[in-house]
């Protein structure tokens, strides 16, 4: 699975969350806040966030590689 970290305005947060809940539960796991994560999940999230802050986007698909297939 891939992880998406998204910062959004509080006013649209409910709409975005409702949209995400439309996705199949077996294909998408919504982590609403870090308090709901177990230690392993929290460590994985912090690792990804740390790499992103350092400019490492190697875990993520390059948009230029896939946009023509959509």
PDB file of N, CA and C in Angstrom:
ATOM      1  N   UNK A   1       0.834  -1.185   0.000  1.00  0.00           N
ATOM      2  CA  UNK A   1       0.000   0.000   0.000  1.00  0.00           C
ATOM      3  C   UNK A   1       0.876   1.245   0.000  1.00  0.00           C
ATOM      4  N   UNK A   2       0.342   2.298  -0.513  1.00  0.00           N
ATOM      5  CA  UNK A   2       0.991   3.607  -0.509  1.00  0.00           C
ATOM      6  C   UNK A   2       0.300   4.470   0.532  1.00  0.00           C
ATOM      7  N   UNK A   3       1.016   5.470   1.030  1.00  0.00           N
ATOM      8  CA  UNK A   3       0.469   6.383   2.025  1.00  0.00           C
ATOM      9  C   UNK A   3       0.410   7.781   1.450  1.00  0.00           C
ATOM     10  N   UNK A   4      -0.709   8.457   1.687  1.00  0.00           N
ATOM     11  CA  UNK A   4      -0.869   9.843   1.273  1.00  0.00           C
ATOM     12  C   UNK A   4      -0.985  10.692   2.527  1.00  0.00           C
ATOM     13  N   UNK A   5      -0.169  11.702   2.597  1.00  0.00           N
ATOM     14  CA  UNK A   5      -0.265  12.664   3.682  1.00  0.00           C
ATOM     15  C   UNK A   5      -0.798  13.953   3.072  1.00  0.00           C
ATOM     16  N   UNK A   6      -1.875  14.479   3.630  1.00  0.00           N
ATOM     17  CA  UNK A   6      -2.561  15.596   3.014  1.00  0.00           C
ATOM     18  C   UNK A   6      -2.930  16.626   4.072  1.00  0.00           C
ATOM     19  N   UNK A   7      -2.525  17.868   3.850  1.00  0.00           N
ATOM     20  CA  UNK A   7      -2.939  18.956   4.726  1.00  0.00           C
ATOM     21  C   UNK A   7      -4.012  19.735   4.001  1.00  0.00           C
ATOM     22  N   UNK A   8      -5.149  19.890   4.651  1.00  0.00           N
ATOM     23  CA  UNK A   8      -6.256  20.618   4.040  1.00  0.00           C
ATOM     24  C   UNK A   8      -6.862  21.584   5.051  1.00  0.00           C
ATOM     25  N   UNK A   9      -7.582  22.544   4.534  1.00  0.00           N
ATOM     26  CA  UNK A   9      -8.262  23.517   5.363  1.00  0.00           C
ATOM     27  C   UNK A   9      -9.345  22.814   6.187  1.00  0.00           C
ATOM     28  N   UNK A  10      -9.517  23.253   7.416  1.00  0.00           N
ATOM     29  CA  UNK A  10     -10.509  22.633   8.297  1.00  0.00           C
ATOM     30  C   UNK A  10     -11.921  22.702   7.725  1.00  0.00           C
ATOM     31  N   UNK A  11     -12.212  23.721   6.931  1.00  0.00           N
ATOM     32  CA  UNK A  11     -13.557  23.876   6.396  1.00  0.00           C
ATOM     33  C   UNK A  11     -13.914  22.775   5.406  1.00  0.00           C
ATOM     34  N   UNK A  12     -12.939  22.262   4.668  1.00  0.00           N
ATOM     35  CA  UNK A  12     -13.243  21.205   3.694  1.00  0.00           C
ATOM     36  C   UNK A  12     -12.889  19.806   4.208  1.00  0.00           C
ATOM     37  N   UNK A  13     -12.320  19.720   5.392  1.00  0.00           N
ATOM     38  CA  UNK A  13     -11.933  18.431   5.956  1.00  0.00           C
ATOM     39  C   UNK A  13     -13.086  17.414   5.954  1.00  0.00           C
ATOM     40  N   UNK A  14     -14.280  17.788   6.419  1.00  0.00           N
ATOM     41  CA  UNK A  14     -15.374  16.800   6.424  1.00  0.00           C
ATOM     42  C   UNK A  14     -15.718  16.281   5.029  1.00  0.00           C
ATOM     43  N   UNK A  15     -15.702  17.151   4.032  1.00  0.00           N
ATOM     44  CA  UNK A  15     -16.029  16.718   2.671  1.00  0.00           C
ATOM     45  C   UNK A  15     -14.975  15.769   2.131  1.00  0.00           C
ATOM     46  N   UNK A  16     -13.709  16.065   2.376  1.00  0.00           N
ATOM     47  CA  UNK A  16     -12.627  15.193   1.908  1.00  0.00           C
ATOM     48  C   UNK A  16     -12.725  13.838   2.604  1.00  0.00           C
ATOM     49  N   UNK A  17     -12.958  13.855   3.894  1.00  0.00           N
ATOM     50  CA  UNK A  17     -13.083  12.610   4.648  1.00  0.00           C
ATOM     51  C   UNK A  17     -14.277  11.794   4.152  1.00  0.00           C
ATOM     52  N   UNK A  18     -15.396  12.442   3.884  1.00  0.00           N
ATOM     53  CA  UNK A  18     -16.569  11.733   3.351  1.00  0.00           C
ATOM     54  C   UNK A  18     -16.275  11.117   1.990  1.00  0.00           C
ATOM     55  N   UNK A  19     -15.526  11.836   1.162  1.00  0.00           N
ATOM     56  CA  UNK A  19     -15.136  11.279  -0.133  1.00  0.00           C
ATOM     57  C   UNK A  19     -14.268  10.032   0.053  1.00  0.00           C
ATOM     58  N   UNK A  20     -13.283  10.120   0.931  1.00  0.00           N
ATOM     59  CA  UNK A  20     -12.398   8.979   1.162  1.00  0.00           C
ATOM     60  C   UNK A  20     -13.160   7.771   1.690  1.00  0.00           C
ATOM     61  N   UNK A  21     -14.197   8.011   2.448  1.00  0.00           N
ATOM     62  CA  UNK A  21     -14.998   6.907   2.990  1.00  0.00           C
ATOM     63  C   UNK A  21     -15.799   6.192   1.904  1.00  0.00           C
ATOM     64  N   UNK A  22     -15.927   6.797   0.736  1.00  0.00           N
ATOM     65  CA  UNK A  22     -16.600   6.142  -0.385  1.00  0.00           C
ATOM     66  C   UNK A  22     -15.728   5.065  -1.030  1.00  0.00           C
ATOM     67  N   UNK A  23     -14.440   5.125  -0.783  1.00  0.00           N
ATOM     68  CA  UNK A  23     -13.510   4.159  -1.365  1.00  0.00           C
ATOM     69  C   UNK A  23     -13.667   2.800  -0.672  1.00  0.00           C
ATOM     70  N   UNK A  24     -13.379   1.715  -1.394  1.00  0.00           N
ATOM     71  CA  UNK A  24     -13.526   0.373  -0.801  1.00  0.00           C
ATOM     72  C   UNK A  24     -12.642   0.197   0.435  1.00  0.00           C
ATOM     73  N   UNK A  25     -13.241  -0.276   1.519  1.00  0.00           N
ATOM     74  CA  UNK A  25     -12.515  -0.429   2.776  1.00  0.00           C
ATOM     75  C   UNK A  25     -11.347  -1.402   2.684  1.00  0.00           C
ATOM     76  N   UNK A  26     -11.459  -2.397   1.805  1.00  0.00           N
ATOM     77  CA  UNK A  26     -10.374  -3.368   1.676  1.00  0.00           C
ATOM     78  C   UNK A  26      -9.207  -2.812   0.858  1.00  0.00           C
ATOM     79  N   UNK A  27      -9.387  -1.634   0.254  1.00  0.00           N
ATOM     80  CA  UNK A  27      -8.354  -1.035  -0.584  1.00  0.00           C
ATOM     81  C   UNK A  27      -7.820   0.270  -0.002  1.00  0.00           C
ATOM     82  N   UNK A  28      -8.464   0.780   1.043  1.00  0.00           N
ATOM     83  CA  UNK A  28      -8.108   2.085   1.586  1.00  0.00           C
ATOM     84  C   UNK A  28      -8.312   2.075   3.094  1.00  0.00           C
ATOM     85  N   UNK A  29      -7.282   2.417   3.822  1.00  0.00           N
ATOM     86  CA  UNK A  29      -7.354   2.475   5.281  1.00  0.00           C
ATOM     87  C   UNK A  29      -7.169   3.933   5.689  1.00  0.00           C
ATOM     88  N   UNK A  30      -8.200   4.538   6.260  1.00  0.00           N
ATOM     89  CA  UNK A  30      -8.149   5.954   6.635  1.00  0.00           C
ATOM     90  C   UNK A  30      -7.587   6.073   8.047  1.00  0.00           C
ATOM     91  N   UNK A  31      -6.530   6.844   8.169  1.00  0.00           N
ATOM     92  CA  UNK A  31      -5.916   7.117   9.465  1.00  0.00           C
ATOM     93  C   UNK A  31      -6.276   8.561   9.814  1.00  0.00           C
ATOM     94  N   UNK A  32      -7.333   8.735  10.584  1.00  0.00           N
ATOM     95  CA  UNK A  32      -7.837  10.078  10.836  1.00  0.00           C
ATOM     96  C   UNK A  32      -6.913  10.909  11.712  1.00  0.00           C
ATOM     97  N   UNK A  33      -6.253  10.293  12.654  1.00  0.00           N
ATOM     98  CA  UNK A  33      -5.300  11.029  13.479  1.00  0.00           C
ATOM     99  C   UNK A  33      -4.236  10.066  13.989  1.00  0.00           C
ATOM    100  N   UNK A  34      -3.116  10.633  14.399  1.00  0.00           N
ATOM    101  CA  UNK A  34      -1.997   9.793  14.817  1.00  0.00           C
ATOM    102  C   UNK A  34      -2.285   9.047  16.117  1.00  0.00           C
ATOM    103  N   UNK A  35      -3.250   9.506  16.900  1.00  0.00           N
ATOM    104  CA  UNK A  35      -3.580   8.843  18.160  1.00  0.00           C
ATOM    105  C   UNK A  35      -4.186   7.458  17.941  1.00  0.00           C
ATOM    106  N   UNK A  36      -4.757   7.225  16.748  1.00  0.00           N
ATOM    107  CA  UNK A  36      -5.397   5.940  16.477  1.00  0.00           C
ATOM    108  C   UNK A  36      -4.419   4.898  15.928  1.00  0.00           C
ATOM    109  N   UNK A  37      -3.161   5.274  15.735  1.00  0.00           N
ATOM    110  CA  UNK A  37      -2.174   4.370  15.155  1.00  0.00           C
ATOM    111  C   UNK A  37      -1.502   3.523  16.226  1.00  0.00           C
ATOM    112  N   UNK A  38      -1.184   2.280  15.862  1.00  0.00           N
ATOM    113  CA  UNK A  38      -0.389   1.467  16.769  1.00  0.00           C
ATOM    114  C   UNK A  38       1.071   1.900  16.598  1.00  0.00           C
ATOM    115  N   UNK A  39       1.965   1.484  17.483  1.00  0.00           N
ATOM    116  CA  UNK A  39       3.360   1.946  17.415  1.00  0.00           C
ATOM    117  C   UNK A  39       4.041   1.671  16.069  1.00  0.00           C
ATOM    118  N   UNK A  40       3.749   0.523  15.455  1.00  0.00           N
ATOM    119  CA  UNK A  40       4.361   0.186  14.167  1.00  0.00           C
ATOM    120  C   UNK A  40       3.861   1.132  13.064  1.00  0.00           C
ATOM    121  N   UNK A  41       2.560   1.393  13.036  1.00  0.00           N
ATOM    122  CA  UNK A  41       1.988   2.304  12.044  1.00  0.00           C
ATOM    123  C   UNK A  41       2.522   3.720  12.231  1.00  0.00           C
ATOM    124  N   UNK A  42       2.618   4.162  13.479  1.00  0.00           N
ATOM    125  CA  UNK A  42       3.123   5.496  13.768  1.00  0.00           C
ATOM    126  C   UNK A  42       4.575   5.635  13.331  1.00  0.00           C
ATOM    127  N   UNK A  43       5.389   4.618  13.577  1.00  0.00           N
ATOM    128  CA  UNK A  43       6.792   4.653  13.159  1.00  0.00           C
ATOM    129  C   UNK A  43       6.903   4.720  11.640  1.00  0.00           C
ATOM    130  N   UNK A  44       6.067   3.961  10.934  1.00  0.00           N
ATOM    131  CA  UNK A  44       6.087   3.983   9.471  1.00  0.00           C
ATOM    132  C   UNK A  44       5.672   5.355   8.949  1.00  0.00           C
ATOM    133  N   UNK A  45       4.643   5.941   9.526  1.00  0.00           N
ATOM    134  CA  UNK A  45       4.189   7.265   9.122  1.00  0.00           C
ATOM    135  C   UNK A  45       5.268   8.311   9.362  1.00  0.00           C
ATOM    136  N   UNK A  46       5.883   8.270  10.526  1.00  0.00           N
ATOM    137  CA  UNK A  46       6.938   9.233  10.843  1.00  0.00           C
ATOM    138  C   UNK A  46       8.138   9.074   9.914  1.00  0.00           C
ATOM    139  N   UNK A  47       8.440   7.846   9.520  1.00  0.00           N
ATOM    140  CA  UNK A  47       9.539   7.600   8.588  1.00  0.00           C
ATOM    141  C   UNK A  47       9.253   8.240   7.236  1.00  0.00           C
ATOM    142  N   UNK A  48       8.037   8.038   6.732  1.00  0.00           N
ATOM    143  CA  UNK A  48       7.661   8.628   5.444  1.00  0.00           C
ATOM    144  C   UNK A  48       7.699  10.149   5.526  1.00  0.00           C
ATOM    145  N   UNK A  49       7.139  10.711   6.587  1.00  0.00           N
ATOM    146  CA  UNK A  49       7.129  12.163   6.740  1.00  0.00           C
ATOM    147  C   UNK A  49       8.549  12.721   6.814  1.00  0.00           C
ATOM    148  N   UNK A  50       9.426  12.029   7.504  1.00  0.00           N
ATOM    149  CA  UNK A  50      10.816  12.459   7.618  1.00  0.00           C
ATOM    150  C   UNK A  50      11.517  12.458   6.261  1.00  0.00           C
ATOM    151  N   UNK A  51      11.276  11.381   5.489  1.00  0.00           N
ATOM    152  CA  UNK A  51      11.887  11.306   4.159  1.00  0.00           C
ATOM    153  C   UNK A  51      11.342  12.389   3.233  1.00  0.00           C
ATOM    154  N   UNK A  52      10.046  12.669   3.327  1.00  0.00           N
ATOM    155  CA  UNK A  52       9.467  13.731   2.505  1.00  0.00           C
ATOM    156  C   UNK A  52      10.067  15.085   2.847  1.00  0.00           C
ATOM    157  N   UNK A  53      10.231  15.361   4.145  1.00  0.00           N
ATOM    158  CA  UNK A  53      10.843  16.635   4.557  1.00  0.00           C
ATOM    159  C   UNK A  53      12.266  16.762   4.027  1.00  0.00           C
ATOM    160  N   UNK A  54      12.955  15.635   3.876  1.00  0.00           N
ATOM    161  CA  UNK A  54      14.328  15.629   3.362  1.00  0.00           C
ATOM    162  C   UNK A  54      14.368  15.648   1.831  1.00  0.00           C
ATOM    163  N   UNK A  55      13.177  15.658   1.208  1.00  0.00           N
ATOM    164  CA  UNK A  55      13.123  15.708  -0.257  1.00  0.00           C
ATOM    165  C   UNK A  55      13.132  14.356  -0.939  1.00  0.00           C
ATOM    166  N   UNK A  56      13.046  13.272  -0.175  1.00  0.00           N
ATOM    167  CA  UNK A  56      13.056  11.925  -0.740  1.00  0.00           C
ATOM    168  C   UNK A  56      11.628  11.501  -1.064  1.00  0.00           C
ATOM    169  N   UNK A  57      11.280  11.489  -2.328  1.00  0.00           N
ATOM    170  CA  UNK A  57       9.948  11.067  -2.752  1.00  0.00           C
ATOM    171  C   UNK A  57      10.004   9.716  -3.466  1.00  0.00           C
ATOM    172  N   UNK A  58      11.039   8.927  -3.188  1.00  0.00           N
ATOM    173  CA  UNK A  58      11.256   7.676  -3.907  1.00  0.00           C
ATOM    174  C   UNK A  58      10.152   6.642  -3.664  1.00  0.00           C
ATOM    175  N   UNK A  59       9.413   6.758  -2.571  1.00  0.00           N
ATOM    176  CA  UNK A  59       8.352   5.798  -2.293  1.00  0.00           C
ATOM    177  C   UNK A  59       7.110   6.068  -3.134  1.00  0.00           C
ATOM    178  N   UNK A  60       7.038   7.230  -3.732  1.00  0.00           N
ATOM    179  CA  UNK A  60       5.831   7.648  -4.422  1.00  0.00           C
ATOM    180  C   UNK A  60       5.996   7.539  -5.931  1.00  0.00           C
ATOM    181  N   UNK A  61       4.900   7.228  -6.600  1.00  0.00           N
ATOM    182  CA  UNK A  61       4.882   7.125  -8.053  1.00  0.00           C
ATOM    183  C   UNK A  61       5.051   8.518  -8.639  1.00  0.00           C
ATOM    184  N   UNK A  62       5.855   8.627  -9.660  1.00  0.00           N
ATOM    185  CA  UNK A  62       6.069   9.901 -10.331  1.00  0.00           C
ATOM    186  C   UNK A  62       4.862  10.216 -11.208  1.00  0.00           C
ATOM    187  N   UNK A  63       4.226  11.335 -10.965  1.00  0.00           N
ATOM    188  CA  UNK A  63       3.036  11.744 -11.706  1.00  0.00           C
ATOM    189  C   UNK A  63       3.292  11.752 -13.204  1.00  0.00           C
ATOM    190  N   UNK A  64       4.445  12.199 -13.622  1.00  0.00           N
ATOM    191  CA  UNK A  64       4.756  12.248 -15.049  1.00  0.00           C
ATOM    192  C   UNK A  64       4.738  10.858 -15.688  1.00  0.00           C
ATOM    193  N   UNK A  65       5.039   9.833 -14.907  1.00  0.00           N
ATOM    194  CA  UNK A  65       5.053   8.458 -15.429  1.00  0.00           C
ATOM    195  C   UNK A  65       3.664   7.870 -15.600  1.00  0.00           C
ATOM    196  N   UNK A  66       2.683   8.356 -14.839  1.00  0.00           N
ATOM    197  CA  UNK A  66       1.372   7.701 -14.883  1.00  0.00           C
ATOM    198  C   UNK A  66       0.243   8.565 -15.434  1.00  0.00           C
ATOM    199  N   UNK A  67       0.417   9.863 -15.540  1.00  0.00           N
ATOM    200  CA  UNK A  67      -0.708  10.728 -15.905  1.00  0.00           C
ATOM    201  C   UNK A  67      -1.290  10.399 -17.278  1.00  0.00           C
ATOM    202  N   UNK A  68      -0.488   9.923 -18.218  1.00  0.00           N
ATOM    203  CA  UNK A  68      -0.999   9.587 -19.543  1.00  0.00           C
ATOM    204  C   UNK A  68      -1.840   8.317 -19.541  1.00  0.00           C
ATOM    205  N   UNK A  69      -1.731   7.500 -18.509  1.00  0.00           N
ATOM    206  CA  UNK A  69      -2.498   6.262 -18.435  1.00  0.00           C
ATOM    207  C   UNK A  69      -3.875   6.458 -17.815  1.00  0.00           C
ATOM    208  N   UNK A  70      -4.125   7.630 -17.274  1.00  0.00           N
ATOM    209  CA  UNK A  70      -5.419   7.878 -16.616  1.00  0.00           C
ATOM    210  C   UNK A  70      -6.444   8.411 -17.571  1.00  0.00           C
TER     211      UNK A  70
END
